[in-house]
């Protein structure tokens, strides 16, 4: 087995473990805040959005920096740093005394974590050129599978262990295990760093600003990052307060669906438990659709061009968000979540593929960091805006705002392509647009 294949398998499994842990608590901030003593419903909605967006906000500031440092100091080091940060900060959330201490830990998590870009970069620069798309899509399946398992496992653990605090300890242990696997078994070709490798952290930091600026100077990369921001904003606006929408619709679902939820092990008959499990199903259904659709988007992008595939993905994302905002019952909400999961599956791999085509391998970590930063910035802003709109106007309006943002982002992406003379229907041989 080639070294890059072994490294791919290690990173895939480490990403799976970590993403399962991360997604086991993210959907349940409203319930956690109630455990911490926050009783006012408006405060719960607002704090849910703020806490959901705090870590992405920190990651937005640091992702390009960590990516550029990885280009110089090594991507394996950056992966271990990120996973150890998750173990420290998320594990510490089990001991949070209130929403403010939880917020501080979420900010620390965002500033020092971010395991996805260096993992993709580490494998990408070692894999053969003709397998880049397949490798990126395959790595994304580990994240999608983690997003599928995590909410279901988190909901079950919170019920079985009597609250969400114990879930944080589980997340910390998962991240520590993943960091150990990467440290022991992943391989990195240090010679690939070449002339960009430097003697110390100080020299790397002095060059980071120049590295990030050179990456941001690519027009196609900025346009791609803008569309990623729009789609992830819609996701960030909807996810933190979805539990409350599920709670409003859970009694409107078919009796068979409600009976199935209440028949699950440990579910009992309490309404709050039924809502928790229904929320887990809503997140899990989206993650399953995302997982199934990933290879389909990869093949479609290869056939018609990444740029055209991104446009279709964004259109479907806007439609799915509008459907969620207008869902009259639980079945419609679950169906809209499935469509949303299928639509968002293409965004990450196609965007990273477009970014890789714009810069050489020695700057790829910085480019991936910019795309990831756009994603995290959108989740941070989307969570805060969504929480504020939900507190002031209602949950459905918050999700509708996300749909509008995706539509505006798509319009900007198409306008940028026209300025550069690109046809959105161009085939797979175009370079600047994909």
Protein backbone atom coordinates (compact mmCIF):
# COMPACT_ATOMS: atom_id res chain seq x y z
CA UNK A 1 0.00 0.00 0.00
CA UNK A 2 1.34 3.42 -0.98
CA UNK A 3 2.04 5.95 1.80
CA UNK A 4 -0.61 8.34 0.50
CA UNK A 5 -3.24 5.57 0.61
CA UNK A 6 -2.36 4.73 4.21
CA UNK A 7 -2.51 8.41 5.12
CA UNK A 8 -5.86 8.75 3.36
CA UNK A 9 -7.34 5.90 5.42
CA UNK A 10 -6.01 7.30 8.67
CA UNK A 11 -7.34 10.81 7.95
CA UNK A 12 -10.68 9.40 6.81
CA UNK A 13 -11.14 7.45 10.04
CA UNK A 14 -9.88 10.30 12.25
CA UNK A 15 -12.28 12.72 10.55
CA UNK A 16 -15.13 10.26 11.08
CA UNK A 17 -14.43 9.93 14.81
CA UNK A 18 -14.10 13.67 15.30
CA UNK A 19 -17.15 14.62 13.23
CA UNK A 20 -19.32 12.08 15.09
CA UNK A 21 -18.29 13.75 18.32
CA UNK A 22 -18.84 17.30 17.06
CA UNK A 23 -22.29 16.60 15.65
CA UNK A 24 -23.39 14.78 18.80
CA UNK A 25 -23.93 18.09 20.64
CA UNK A 26 -24.37 20.85 18.04
CA UNK A 27 -28.11 20.30 17.45
CA UNK A 28 -29.02 20.52 21.15
CA UNK A 29 -27.98 23.95 22.39
CA UNK A 30 -31.58 24.92 23.33
CA UNK A 31 -31.93 21.92 25.66
CA UNK A 32 -28.43 22.45 27.06
CA UNK A 33 -29.21 26.10 27.87
CA UNK A 34 -32.30 25.00 29.76
CA UNK A 35 -30.11 22.59 31.75
CA UNK A 36 -27.87 25.58 32.59
CA UNK A 37 -30.85 27.53 33.96
CA UNK A 38 -31.82 29.76 31.01
CA UNK A 39 -35.62 29.81 31.23
CA UNK A 40 -36.79 32.66 28.98
CA UNK A 41 -37.64 31.29 25.52
CA UNK A 42 -36.39 34.39 23.68
CA UNK A 43 -33.08 34.14 25.55
CA UNK A 44 -32.79 30.44 24.69
CA UNK A 45 -33.26 31.18 20.98
CA UNK A 46 -30.80 34.07 20.98
CA UNK A 47 -28.14 32.22 22.97
CA UNK A 48 -28.53 29.13 20.76
CA UNK A 49 -27.62 31.16 17.69
CA UNK A 50 -24.72 32.92 19.41
CA UNK A 51 -23.23 29.68 20.77
CA UNK A 52 -23.66 27.87 17.47
CA UNK A 53 -21.86 30.66 15.64
CA UNK A 54 -19.10 31.37 18.17
CA UNK A 55 -16.75 28.56 17.13
CA UNK A 56 -17.15 29.25 13.39
CA UNK A 57 -16.41 32.91 14.10
CA UNK A 58 -13.10 32.00 15.72
CA UNK A 59 -12.32 29.58 12.88
CA UNK A 60 -13.03 32.32 10.33
CA UNK A 61 -10.27 34.46 11.78
CA UNK A 62 -7.71 31.68 12.04
CA UNK A 63 -8.36 29.19 9.21
CA UNK A 64 -6.30 31.02 6.55
CA UNK A 65 -3.52 31.50 9.10
CA UNK A 66 -3.46 27.84 10.11
CA UNK A 67 -3.61 26.86 6.44
CA UNK A 68 -0.62 29.04 5.54
CA UNK A 69 1.30 27.78 8.57
CA UNK A 70 0.56 24.22 7.48
CA UNK A 71 2.06 24.96 4.06
CA UNK A 72 5.30 25.83 5.85
CA UNK A 73 5.42 23.77 9.05
CA UNK A 74 3.48 20.69 7.94
CA UNK A 75 -0.17 19.68 7.65
CA UNK A 76 0.07 16.69 10.02
CA UNK A 77 1.07 19.04 12.83
CA UNK A 78 -1.95 21.24 12.08
CA UNK A 79 -4.34 18.27 12.20
CA UNK A 80 -3.06 17.14 15.60
CA UNK A 81 -3.20 20.72 16.93
CA UNK A 82 -6.82 21.07 15.84
CA UNK A 83 -8.00 17.77 17.31
CA UNK A 84 -6.25 18.37 20.61
CA UNK A 85 -7.94 21.78 20.80
CA UNK A 86 -11.32 20.11 20.34
CA UNK A 87 -10.49 17.64 23.12
CA UNK A 88 -9.55 20.49 25.46
CA UNK A 89 -12.25 23.06 24.75
CA UNK A 90 -15.23 20.80 24.00
CA UNK A 91 -14.37 18.47 26.85
CA UNK A 92 -14.26 21.52 29.11
CA UNK A 93 -17.84 22.40 28.16
CA UNK A 94 -18.99 19.59 30.45
CA UNK A 95 -18.02 21.85 33.35
CA UNK A 96 -19.52 25.11 32.02
CA UNK A 97 -21.43 26.99 34.73
CA UNK A 98 -23.55 29.13 32.42
CA UNK A 99 -23.93 30.48 28.88
CA UNK A 100 -21.02 32.93 29.20
CA UNK A 101 -18.48 30.26 30.14
CA UNK A 102 -19.90 28.06 27.38
CA UNK A 103 -19.41 30.95 24.95
CA UNK A 104 -15.75 31.38 25.99
CA UNK A 105 -15.07 27.70 25.39
CA UNK A 106 -16.80 27.78 22.00
CA UNK A 107 -14.64 30.73 20.95
CA UNK A 108 -11.50 28.92 22.06
CA UNK A 109 -12.59 25.84 20.14
CA UNK A 110 -13.00 27.90 16.98
CA UNK A 111 -9.70 29.75 17.27
CA UNK A 112 -7.56 26.65 17.75
CA UNK A 113 -9.43 23.85 15.99
CA UNK A 114 -10.22 23.38 12.30
CA UNK A 115 -9.16 19.85 11.32
CA UNK A 116 -10.84 19.64 7.90
CA UNK A 117 -8.61 21.86 5.66
CA UNK A 118 -5.24 20.42 6.78
CA UNK A 119 -6.59 16.88 6.48
CA UNK A 120 -7.77 17.44 2.92
CA UNK A 121 -4.52 19.23 2.06
CA UNK A 122 -2.30 16.50 3.53
CA UNK A 123 -3.94 13.84 1.36
CA UNK A 124 -4.40 16.06 -1.70
CA UNK A 125 -0.74 16.98 -2.14
CA UNK A 126 0.32 13.31 -1.96
CA UNK A 127 -2.43 11.71 -4.07
CA UNK A 128 -1.99 11.30 -7.85
CA UNK A 129 -3.23 14.19 -9.96
CA UNK A 130 -5.85 12.05 -11.69
CA UNK A 131 -7.46 11.05 -8.36
CA UNK A 132 -7.90 14.46 -6.74
CA UNK A 133 -11.68 14.71 -7.17
CA UNK A 134 -12.28 11.18 -5.93
CA UNK A 135 -10.02 11.67 -2.91
CA UNK A 136 -11.72 14.94 -1.90
CA UNK A 137 -15.19 13.43 -2.27
CA UNK A 138 -14.18 10.31 -0.34
CA UNK A 139 -12.83 12.40 2.54
CA UNK A 140 -16.10 14.31 2.56
CA UNK A 141 -18.01 11.06 3.03
CA UNK A 142 -16.35 10.59 6.43
CA UNK A 143 -17.64 13.99 7.52
CA UNK A 144 -21.10 13.27 6.13
CA UNK A 145 -21.21 9.89 7.86
CA UNK A 146 -20.18 11.58 11.10
CA UNK A 147 -22.98 14.11 10.64
CA UNK A 148 -25.40 11.24 10.21
CA UNK A 149 -24.30 9.25 13.25
CA UNK A 150 -23.48 12.18 15.57
CA UNK A 151 -26.96 13.68 16.16
CA UNK A 152 -28.53 10.26 16.63
CA UNK A 153 -25.81 9.17 19.05
CA UNK A 154 -25.86 12.51 20.86
CA UNK A 155 -29.62 12.38 21.34
CA UNK A 156 -29.42 8.81 22.62
CA UNK A 157 -26.52 9.57 24.97
CA UNK A 158 -28.22 12.65 26.40
CA UNK A 159 -31.33 10.59 27.21
CA UNK A 160 -29.37 7.58 28.49
CA UNK A 161 -26.98 9.62 30.65
CA UNK A 162 -29.52 12.14 31.92
CA UNK A 163 -28.33 15.29 30.15
CA UNK A 164 -26.06 16.79 27.54
CA UNK A 165 -23.03 17.45 29.75
CA UNK A 166 -21.76 13.87 29.51
CA UNK A 167 -21.81 14.16 25.72
CA UNK A 168 -19.05 16.80 25.89
CA UNK A 169 -16.74 14.35 27.65
CA UNK A 170 -17.48 11.82 24.91
CA UNK A 171 -16.54 14.42 22.27
CA UNK A 172 -13.28 15.25 24.02
CA UNK A 173 -12.31 11.57 24.22
CA UNK A 174 -13.18 11.07 20.55
CA UNK A 175 -11.00 13.97 19.42
CA UNK A 176 -8.09 12.80 21.58
CA UNK A 177 -8.34 9.34 20.03
CA UNK A 178 -8.37 10.82 16.52
CA UNK A 179 -5.29 12.98 17.23
CA UNK A 180 -3.41 9.92 18.49
CA UNK A 181 -4.22 7.96 15.33
CA UNK A 182 -2.98 10.77 13.08
CA UNK A 183 0.21 11.25 15.12
CA UNK A 184 1.08 7.55 15.01
CA UNK A 185 -0.01 6.41 11.57
CA UNK A 186 -0.36 9.32 9.11
CA UNK A 187 2.62 9.97 6.83
CA UNK A 188 3.75 13.33 5.47
CA UNK A 189 6.33 13.91 2.77
CA UNK A 190 8.30 16.78 4.27
CA UNK A 191 10.21 17.28 1.04
CA UNK A 192 6.93 18.37 -0.59
CA UNK A 193 7.13 21.53 1.51
CA UNK A 194 10.33 22.32 -0.38
CA UNK A 195 11.65 25.85 -0.23
CA UNK A 196 8.57 26.97 1.68
CA UNK A 197 9.62 24.94 4.72
CA UNK A 198 11.24 27.15 7.33
CA UNK A 199 13.25 26.64 10.48
CA UNK A 200 10.82 27.94 13.07
CA UNK A 201 7.37 29.18 13.89
CA UNK A 202 8.54 32.79 14.02
CA UNK A 203 9.71 32.75 10.40
CA UNK A 204 6.46 31.09 9.33
CA UNK A 205 4.34 33.70 11.09
CA UNK A 206 6.25 36.51 9.40
CA UNK A 207 5.39 35.03 5.99
CA UNK A 208 1.77 34.14 6.69
CA UNK A 209 0.36 37.56 5.79
CA UNK A 210 2.05 37.48 2.40
CA UNK A 211 0.88 33.90 1.76
CA UNK A 212 -2.75 34.67 2.63
CA UNK A 213 -2.73 37.88 0.56
CA UNK A 214 -1.45 36.04 -2.51
CA UNK A 215 -4.20 33.44 -2.23
CA UNK A 216 -6.92 36.07 -1.76
CA UNK A 217 -5.72 37.78 -4.94
CA UNK A 218 -7.26 35.02 -7.07
CA UNK A 219 -10.64 36.29 -8.45
CA UNK A 220 -12.05 32.81 -9.07
CA UNK A 221 -11.20 31.80 -5.51
CA UNK A 222 -12.97 34.86 -4.10
CA UNK A 223 -16.09 34.13 -6.17
CA UNK A 224 -16.17 30.52 -5.06
CA UNK A 225 -15.70 31.52 -1.43
CA UNK A 226 -18.59 33.99 -1.77
CA UNK A 227 -21.00 31.29 -2.94
CA UNK A 228 -19.83 28.94 -0.20
CA UNK A 229 -20.49 31.72 2.31
CA UNK A 230 -24.05 32.19 1.05
CA UNK A 231 -24.98 28.50 1.23
CA UNK A 232 -23.40 28.01 4.63
CA UNK A 233 -25.17 31.14 5.91
CA UNK A 234 -28.46 29.47 5.08
CA UNK A 235 -27.34 26.35 6.90
CA UNK A 236 -26.16 28.36 9.92
CA UNK A 237 -29.41 30.32 10.13
CA UNK A 238 -31.54 27.17 10.18
CA UNK A 239 -29.65 24.62 12.27
CA UNK A 240 -29.34 26.26 15.72
CA UNK A 241 -33.06 26.79 16.14
CA UNK A 242 -34.33 23.74 14.24
CA UNK A 243 -35.11 21.96 17.51
CA UNK A 244 -37.70 24.64 18.28
CA UNK A 245 -39.36 24.26 14.86
CA UNK A 246 -39.45 20.50 15.36
CA UNK A 247 -41.11 21.10 18.73
CA UNK A 248 -43.78 23.25 17.07
CA UNK A 249 -44.49 20.62 14.40
CA UNK A 250 -44.03 17.36 16.28
CA UNK A 251 -47.73 17.07 17.12
CA UNK A 252 -48.67 17.62 13.47
CA UNK A 253 -46.84 14.55 12.18
CA UNK A 254 -48.60 11.31 11.28
CA UNK A 255 -49.53 9.16 14.26
CA UNK A 256 -47.33 6.33 12.94
CA UNK A 257 -44.26 8.58 12.98
CA UNK A 258 -44.94 9.80 16.52
CA UNK A 259 -45.57 6.25 17.72
CA UNK A 260 -42.26 5.15 16.17
CA UNK A 261 -40.36 7.93 17.95
CA UNK A 262 -41.98 7.13 21.29
CA UNK A 263 -41.25 3.42 20.82
CA UNK A 264 -37.50 3.97 20.51
CA UNK A 265 -35.38 2.67 23.44
CA UNK A 266 -35.32 5.12 26.37
CA UNK A 267 -37.76 7.47 24.65
CA UNK A 268 -40.60 7.07 27.12
CA UNK A 269 -43.63 9.27 26.68
CA UNK A 270 -42.29 12.68 27.71
CA UNK A 271 -42.79 15.38 25.09
CA UNK A 272 -39.31 16.86 25.57
CA UNK A 273 -37.71 13.48 24.88
CA UNK A 274 -39.82 12.99 21.76
CA UNK A 275 -38.71 16.41 20.46
CA UNK A 276 -35.06 15.54 21.13
CA UNK A 277 -35.32 12.30 19.20
CA UNK A 278 -37.30 13.93 16.37
CA UNK A 279 -34.58 16.60 16.11
CA UNK A 280 -31.98 13.85 15.90
CA UNK A 281 -33.96 12.28 13.05
CA UNK A 282 -34.19 15.65 11.25
CA UNK A 283 -30.43 16.14 11.41
CA UNK A 284 -29.74 12.50 10.65
CA UNK A 285 -32.01 12.49 7.59
CA UNK A 286 -30.17 15.48 6.18
CA UNK A 287 -26.80 13.85 6.86
CA UNK A 288 -27.88 10.59 5.22
CA UNK A 289 -29.00 12.42 2.08
CA UNK A 290 -25.69 14.30 2.11
CA UNK A 291 -23.72 11.07 2.37
CA UNK A 292 -25.62 9.34 -0.45
CA UNK A 293 -25.38 12.37 -2.75
CA UNK A 294 -21.64 13.06 -2.41
CA UNK A 295 -20.45 10.66 -5.13
CA UNK A 296 -23.31 11.71 -7.40
CA UNK A 297 -22.23 15.35 -7.26
CA UNK A 298 -18.64 14.31 -7.96
CA UNK A 299 -19.62 12.45 -11.13
CA UNK A 300 -21.99 15.22 -12.20
CA UNK A 301 -19.28 17.85 -11.71
CA UNK A 302 -16.81 15.84 -13.77
CA UNK A 303 -19.35 15.55 -16.57
CA UNK A 304 -20.77 19.09 -16.79
CA UNK A 305 -18.15 21.17 -14.97
CA UNK A 306 -17.75 22.14 -11.33
CA UNK A 307 -19.05 25.66 -11.90
CA UNK A 308 -22.32 24.50 -13.42
CA UNK A 309 -22.72 21.87 -10.69
CA UNK A 310 -22.26 24.53 -8.00
CA UNK A 311 -24.99 26.65 -9.57
CA UNK A 312 -27.46 23.75 -9.50
CA UNK A 313 -26.49 22.90 -5.93
CA UNK A 314 -27.14 26.48 -4.80
CA UNK A 315 -30.55 26.59 -6.52
CA UNK A 316 -31.62 23.42 -4.73
CA UNK A 317 -30.31 24.76 -1.42
CA UNK A 318 -32.45 27.89 -1.72
CA UNK A 319 -35.51 25.80 -2.59
CA UNK A 320 -34.94 23.45 0.36
CA UNK A 321 -34.60 26.32 2.83
CA UNK A 322 -37.79 27.95 1.54
CA UNK A 323 -39.57 24.60 1.94
CA UNK A 324 -38.35 24.26 5.54
CA UNK A 325 -39.54 27.78 6.36
CA UNK A 326 -43.03 26.98 5.04
CA UNK A 327 -43.27 23.35 6.25
CA UNK A 328 -46.83 22.73 7.56
CA UNK A 329 -45.97 19.54 9.45
CA UNK A 330 -43.13 17.25 10.49
CA UNK A 331 -43.21 15.16 7.31
CA UNK A 332 -42.71 18.21 5.08
CA UNK A 333 -39.90 19.41 7.33
CA UNK A 334 -38.12 16.05 7.14
CA UNK A 335 -38.53 15.95 3.34
CA UNK A 336 -37.10 19.46 3.04
CA UNK A 337 -34.15 18.44 5.23
CA UNK A 338 -33.47 15.50 2.91
CA UNK A 339 -33.43 17.83 -0.11
CA UNK A 340 -31.19 20.27 1.76
CA UNK A 341 -28.74 17.50 2.62
CA UNK A 342 -28.61 16.30 -0.97
CA UNK A 343 -28.13 19.84 -2.29
CA UNK A 344 -25.36 20.85 0.11
CA UNK A 345 -23.39 17.66 -0.59
CA UNK A 346 -21.82 19.17 -3.68
CA UNK A 347 -20.77 22.49 -2.18
CA UNK A 348 -17.70 21.40 -0.22
CA UNK A 349 -15.97 19.01 -2.66
CA UNK A 350 -16.66 21.16 -5.71
CA UNK A 351 -15.50 24.34 -3.97
CA UNK A 352 -12.28 22.72 -2.75
CA UNK A 353 -11.74 21.35 -6.26
CA UNK A 354 -12.11 24.82 -7.78
CA UNK A 355 -9.69 26.20 -5.19
CA UNK A 356 -7.10 23.51 -5.92
CA UNK A 357 -7.21 24.42 -9.61
CA UNK A 358 -6.34 28.04 -8.92
CA UNK A 359 -3.09 27.66 -6.94
CA UNK A 360 -0.03 25.41 -6.95
CA UNK A 361 0.41 22.63 -4.40
CA UNK A 362 2.70 24.73 -2.19
CA UNK A 363 -0.10 27.23 -1.54
CA UNK A 364 -2.99 24.77 -1.46
CA UNK A 365 -3.32 24.80 2.32
CA UNK A 366 -3.85 28.56 2.27
CA UNK A 367 -6.41 28.28 -0.53
CA UNK A 368 -8.35 25.57 1.28
CA UNK A 369 -8.15 27.68 4.42
CA UNK A 370 -9.81 30.59 2.60
CA UNK A 371 -12.69 28.39 1.38
CA UNK A 372 -13.10 26.87 4.84
CA UNK A 373 -12.97 30.34 6.38
CA UNK A 374 -15.87 31.39 4.14
CA UNK A 375 -17.85 28.41 5.40
CA UNK A 376 -17.16 29.10 9.05
CA UNK A 377 -17.78 32.84 8.71
CA UNK A 378 -21.19 32.11 7.24
CA UNK A 379 -22.09 29.63 9.97
CA UNK A 380 -20.98 32.16 12.59
CA UNK A 381 -22.98 35.03 11.13
CA UNK A 382 -25.88 32.80 10.13
CA UNK A 383 -26.22 31.36 13.62
CA UNK A 384 -26.21 34.77 15.28
CA UNK A 385 -28.54 36.37 12.71
CA UNK A 386 -30.82 33.34 12.73
CA UNK A 387 -31.06 33.39 16.51
CA UNK A 388 -31.79 37.11 16.56
CA UNK A 389 -34.45 36.90 13.83
CA UNK A 390 -36.04 33.88 15.52
CA UNK A 391 -36.18 35.77 18.81
CA UNK A 392 -37.75 38.84 17.19
CA UNK A 393 -39.90 37.55 14.33
CA UNK A 394 -40.12 33.79 14.70
CA UNK A 395 -38.29 30.64 13.67
CA UNK A 396 -39.73 30.43 10.16
CA UNK A 397 -38.56 33.94 9.31
CA UNK A 398 -35.02 33.04 10.37
CA UNK A 399 -34.93 30.13 7.91
CA UNK A 400 -36.48 32.29 5.18
CA UNK A 401 -33.65 34.81 5.62
CA UNK A 402 -31.23 31.97 4.87
CA UNK A 403 -33.05 31.19 1.62
CA UNK A 404 -32.82 34.82 0.54
CA UNK A 405 -29.09 34.89 1.30
CA UNK A 406 -28.44 31.80 -0.84
CA UNK A 407 -30.34 33.38 -3.73
CA UNK A 408 -28.32 36.59 -3.43
CA UNK A 409 -25.05 34.65 -3.22
CA UNK A 410 -25.90 32.70 -6.36
CA UNK A 411 -26.63 35.93 -8.23
CA UNK A 412 -23.22 37.29 -7.19
CA UNK A 413 -21.44 34.11 -8.28
CA UNK A 414 -23.06 34.22 -11.72
CA UNK A 415 -22.28 37.92 -12.09
CA UNK A 416 -18.63 37.30 -11.23
CA UNK A 417 -18.42 34.57 -13.84
CA UNK A 418 -19.86 36.82 -16.53
CA UNK A 419 -17.28 39.50 -15.72
CA UNK A 420 -14.54 36.93 -16.28
CA UNK A 421 -16.16 35.73 -19.51
CA UNK A 422 -17.31 32.37 -18.13
CA UNK A 423 -20.46 30.59 -19.22
CA UNK A 424 -22.29 28.96 -16.29
CA UNK A 425 -23.11 26.08 -18.61
CA UNK A 426 -19.44 25.55 -19.54
CA UNK A 427 -18.10 22.03 -19.53
CA UNK A 428 -15.51 20.37 -17.35
CA UNK A 429 -12.52 21.70 -19.24
CA UNK A 430 -12.88 25.27 -18.06
CA UNK A 431 -10.18 26.30 -15.62
CA UNK A 432 -10.93 29.58 -13.95
CA UNK A 433 -14.47 28.57 -13.07
CA UNK A 434 -13.70 24.94 -12.31
